[in-house]
Amino acid sequence: MLVSHICLKAAVSGEMTASRSTIIKAYLAHEGPQTIRRLYEGVINRFPEQFAGVSRHKFKTIYLKNMRDFKQITMKLHRGEAPEGMSEKEFTKRAIAEKKGEWLVILDSKVAEMQLSGKVDLDVNHQSILDHIRNESAISKDFWEGRSNQPYDWRAVLEAAGRKTSL
């Protein structure tokens, strides 16, 4: 049995508190690449309490966008399978002309390995990590906008304080 599956079961039963993004990453590690629609439906059906009140729009604009910004997932245009008798090149040209296709969500290989090996810290408060990153990077932004003459390396400051610089 996969460790991520155990983490998912524990998150559902309430034994561990896992953030929504952690649940999404564990689900992707266990199930493999999924289209946005299938990923959303799978997560909603499997974890109704954790994702209560989350619309598909919110799912995309908040959770998937944050994971993409932290390079934990990549998005790739998926046009489906070519029908029999049609070459892949012909199918791609026709699909581009018809503007058909869905976005495929692919979990980064390092993140997937971490999820499958069980080295996932479920008790981390991701919001506090994001708040620290935003606060420090805002100070750095002052230099680039001309409000300060002193350059500020927010990443080095967070690393010196022993804090995470990404999720």
Protein backbone atom coordinates (compact mmCIF):
# COMPACT_ATOMS: atom_id res chain seq x y z
CA MET A 1 0.00 0.00 0.00
CA LEU A 2 1.34 3.42 -0.90
CA VAL A 3 2.29 5.78 1.90
CA SER A 4 0.42 8.65 0.27
CA HIS A 5 -2.72 6.51 0.35
CA ILE A 6 -2.20 6.06 4.11
CA CYS A 7 -1.74 9.82 4.50
CA LEU A 8 -4.94 10.39 2.54
CA LYS A 9 -6.87 7.94 4.74
CA ALA A 10 -5.47 9.56 7.88
CA ALA A 11 -6.43 12.99 6.62
CA VAL A 12 -9.98 11.82 5.93
CA SER A 13 -10.39 10.16 9.32
CA GLY A 14 -9.19 13.31 11.07
CA GLU A 15 -6.17 11.68 12.73
CA MET A 16 -3.85 14.19 11.06
CA THR A 17 -4.53 17.72 9.96
CA ALA A 18 -3.50 18.06 6.34
CA SER A 19 -3.87 21.22 4.31
CA ARG A 20 -5.87 21.12 1.11
CA SER A 21 -2.77 21.56 -1.02
CA THR A 22 -1.12 18.60 0.76
CA ILE A 23 -4.18 16.47 0.05
CA ILE A 24 -4.14 17.54 -3.62
CA LYS A 25 -0.43 16.69 -3.93
CA ALA A 26 -0.91 13.31 -2.25
CA TYR A 27 -3.86 12.58 -4.53
CA LEU A 28 -1.82 13.48 -7.63
CA ALA A 29 1.13 11.38 -6.42
CA HIS A 30 -1.16 8.39 -5.95
CA GLU A 31 -3.38 8.79 -9.03
CA GLY A 32 -0.90 10.29 -11.52
CA PRO A 33 -1.43 13.22 -13.92
CA GLN A 34 -5.06 14.33 -14.22
CA THR A 35 -7.02 16.93 -16.11
CA ILE A 36 -8.21 19.83 -13.96
CA ARG A 37 -11.82 18.67 -14.13
CA ARG A 38 -11.00 15.05 -13.19
CA LEU A 39 -8.67 16.19 -10.41
CA TYR A 40 -11.31 18.51 -8.95
CA GLU A 41 -14.06 15.88 -9.15
CA GLY A 42 -11.80 13.18 -7.68
CA VAL A 43 -10.71 15.32 -4.75
CA ILE A 44 -14.26 16.55 -4.05
CA ASN A 45 -15.69 13.01 -4.16
CA ARG A 46 -12.93 11.52 -2.01
CA PHE A 47 -12.65 14.35 0.55
CA PRO A 48 -16.03 16.09 0.78
CA GLU A 49 -15.49 17.53 4.29
CA GLN A 50 -12.06 19.02 3.58
CA PHE A 51 -13.18 20.64 0.33
CA ALA A 52 -16.68 21.71 1.35
CA GLY A 53 -17.58 25.01 -0.29
CA VAL A 54 -14.65 24.99 -2.73
CA SER A 55 -15.79 25.78 -6.27
CA ARG A 56 -13.84 24.65 -9.32
CA HIS A 57 -12.90 28.26 -10.01
CA LYS A 58 -11.52 28.69 -6.48
CA PHE A 59 -9.75 25.32 -6.78
CA LYS A 60 -7.95 26.51 -9.92
CA THR A 61 -7.24 30.11 -8.94
CA ILE A 62 -6.08 29.46 -5.39
CA TYR A 63 -4.75 25.94 -4.89
CA LEU A 64 -3.48 25.01 -8.34
CA LYS A 65 -2.10 28.52 -8.97
CA ASN A 66 -0.15 28.50 -5.67
CA MET A 67 1.28 25.05 -6.39
CA ARG A 68 2.21 26.15 -9.92
CA ASP A 69 3.88 29.32 -8.58
CA PHE A 70 5.98 27.19 -6.22
CA LYS A 71 6.82 24.85 -9.14
CA GLN A 72 5.22 21.86 -7.42
CA ILE A 73 3.01 21.16 -10.43
CA THR A 74 3.19 21.88 -14.12
CA MET A 75 0.31 22.39 -16.51
CA LYS A 76 0.42 20.86 -19.97
CA LEU A 77 -2.16 21.11 -22.71
CA HIS A 78 -3.63 17.65 -23.27
CA ARG A 79 -5.44 17.08 -26.54
CA GLY A 80 -6.45 13.47 -25.98
CA GLU A 81 -5.57 10.42 -28.03
CA ALA A 82 -5.34 10.38 -31.83
CA PRO A 83 -8.06 8.28 -33.47
CA GLU A 84 -7.01 5.14 -35.36
CA GLY A 85 -5.73 5.83 -38.85
CA MET A 86 -4.70 9.41 -38.08
CA SER A 87 -1.10 10.34 -37.40
CA GLU A 88 -0.21 12.24 -34.23
CA LYS A 89 0.92 15.22 -36.32
CA GLU A 90 -2.37 15.42 -38.22
CA PHE A 91 -4.34 15.04 -35.01
CA THR A 92 -2.37 17.83 -33.31
CA LYS A 93 -2.89 20.20 -36.25
CA ARG A 94 -6.63 19.49 -36.33
CA ALA A 95 -6.95 19.83 -32.55
CA ILE A 96 -5.12 23.17 -32.61
CA ALA A 97 -7.38 24.42 -35.41
CA GLU A 98 -10.48 23.33 -33.48
CA LYS A 99 -9.06 24.68 -30.18
CA LYS A 100 -9.87 21.47 -28.35
CA GLY A 101 -7.98 20.28 -25.34
CA GLU A 102 -7.82 20.31 -21.57
CA TRP A 103 -5.06 21.20 -19.17
CA LEU A 104 -3.27 18.27 -17.59
CA VAL A 105 -1.94 18.76 -14.04
CA ILE A 106 1.40 17.01 -13.54
CA LEU A 107 3.04 16.76 -10.12
CA ASP A 108 6.77 17.55 -9.97
CA SER A 109 8.86 14.37 -9.70
CA LYS A 110 10.64 15.50 -6.49
CA VAL A 111 7.34 16.37 -4.82
CA ALA A 112 5.85 13.06 -5.95
CA GLU A 113 8.81 11.14 -4.49
CA MET A 114 8.41 13.01 -1.22
CA GLN A 115 4.68 12.23 -1.12
CA LEU A 116 5.21 8.55 -1.91
CA SER A 117 8.08 8.11 0.55
CA GLY A 118 6.07 9.50 3.45
CA LYS A 119 8.43 12.42 4.19
CA VAL A 120 5.51 14.83 4.22
CA ASP A 121 5.02 17.06 7.23
CA LEU A 122 1.24 17.21 7.55
CA ASP A 123 1.25 19.57 10.53
CA VAL A 124 2.91 22.47 8.69
CA ASN A 125 0.78 25.60 8.53
CA HIS A 126 1.25 26.63 4.92
CA GLN A 127 -0.45 29.97 5.41
CA SER A 128 2.16 31.08 7.96
CA ILE A 129 4.96 30.10 5.55
CA LEU A 130 3.32 32.11 2.78
CA ASP A 131 2.82 35.09 5.12
CA HIS A 132 6.52 35.14 6.09
CA ILE A 133 7.55 34.91 2.43
CA ARG A 134 5.19 37.73 1.43
CA ASN A 135 6.36 39.99 4.28
CA GLU A 136 10.05 39.52 3.51
CA SER A 137 9.62 39.84 -0.25
CA ALA A 138 7.63 43.06 0.26
CA ILE A 139 10.69 44.56 2.00
CA SER A 140 12.80 43.46 -0.97
CA LYS A 141 10.32 45.07 -3.36
CA ASP A 142 10.95 48.48 -1.74
CA PHE A 143 14.49 48.49 -3.15
CA TRP A 144 13.32 47.73 -6.69
CA GLU A 145 10.62 50.40 -6.53
CA GLY A 146 13.11 53.05 -5.33
CA ARG A 147 11.77 53.49 -1.79
CA SER A 148 14.99 52.16 -0.27
CA ASN A 149 18.66 52.44 -1.20
CA GLN A 150 19.63 49.20 0.53
CA PRO A 151 19.21 45.91 -1.40
CA TYR A 152 17.46 43.22 0.61
CA ASP A 153 17.77 39.48 -0.01
CA TRP A 154 14.58 38.13 1.51
CA ARG A 155 15.49 34.52 0.72
CA ALA A 156 18.80 34.76 2.60
CA VAL A 157 17.06 36.40 5.59
CA LEU A 158 14.50 33.58 5.79
CA GLU A 159 17.18 30.90 5.42
CA ALA A 160 19.30 32.54 8.16
CA ALA A 161 16.25 32.52 10.45
CA GLY A 162 15.71 28.82 9.72
CA ARG A 163 12.41 29.39 7.90
CA LYS A 164 11.22 27.85 4.67
CA THR A 165 11.54 29.84 1.44
CA SER A 166 8.93 27.77 -0.39
CA LEU A 167 6.25 25.23 0.31
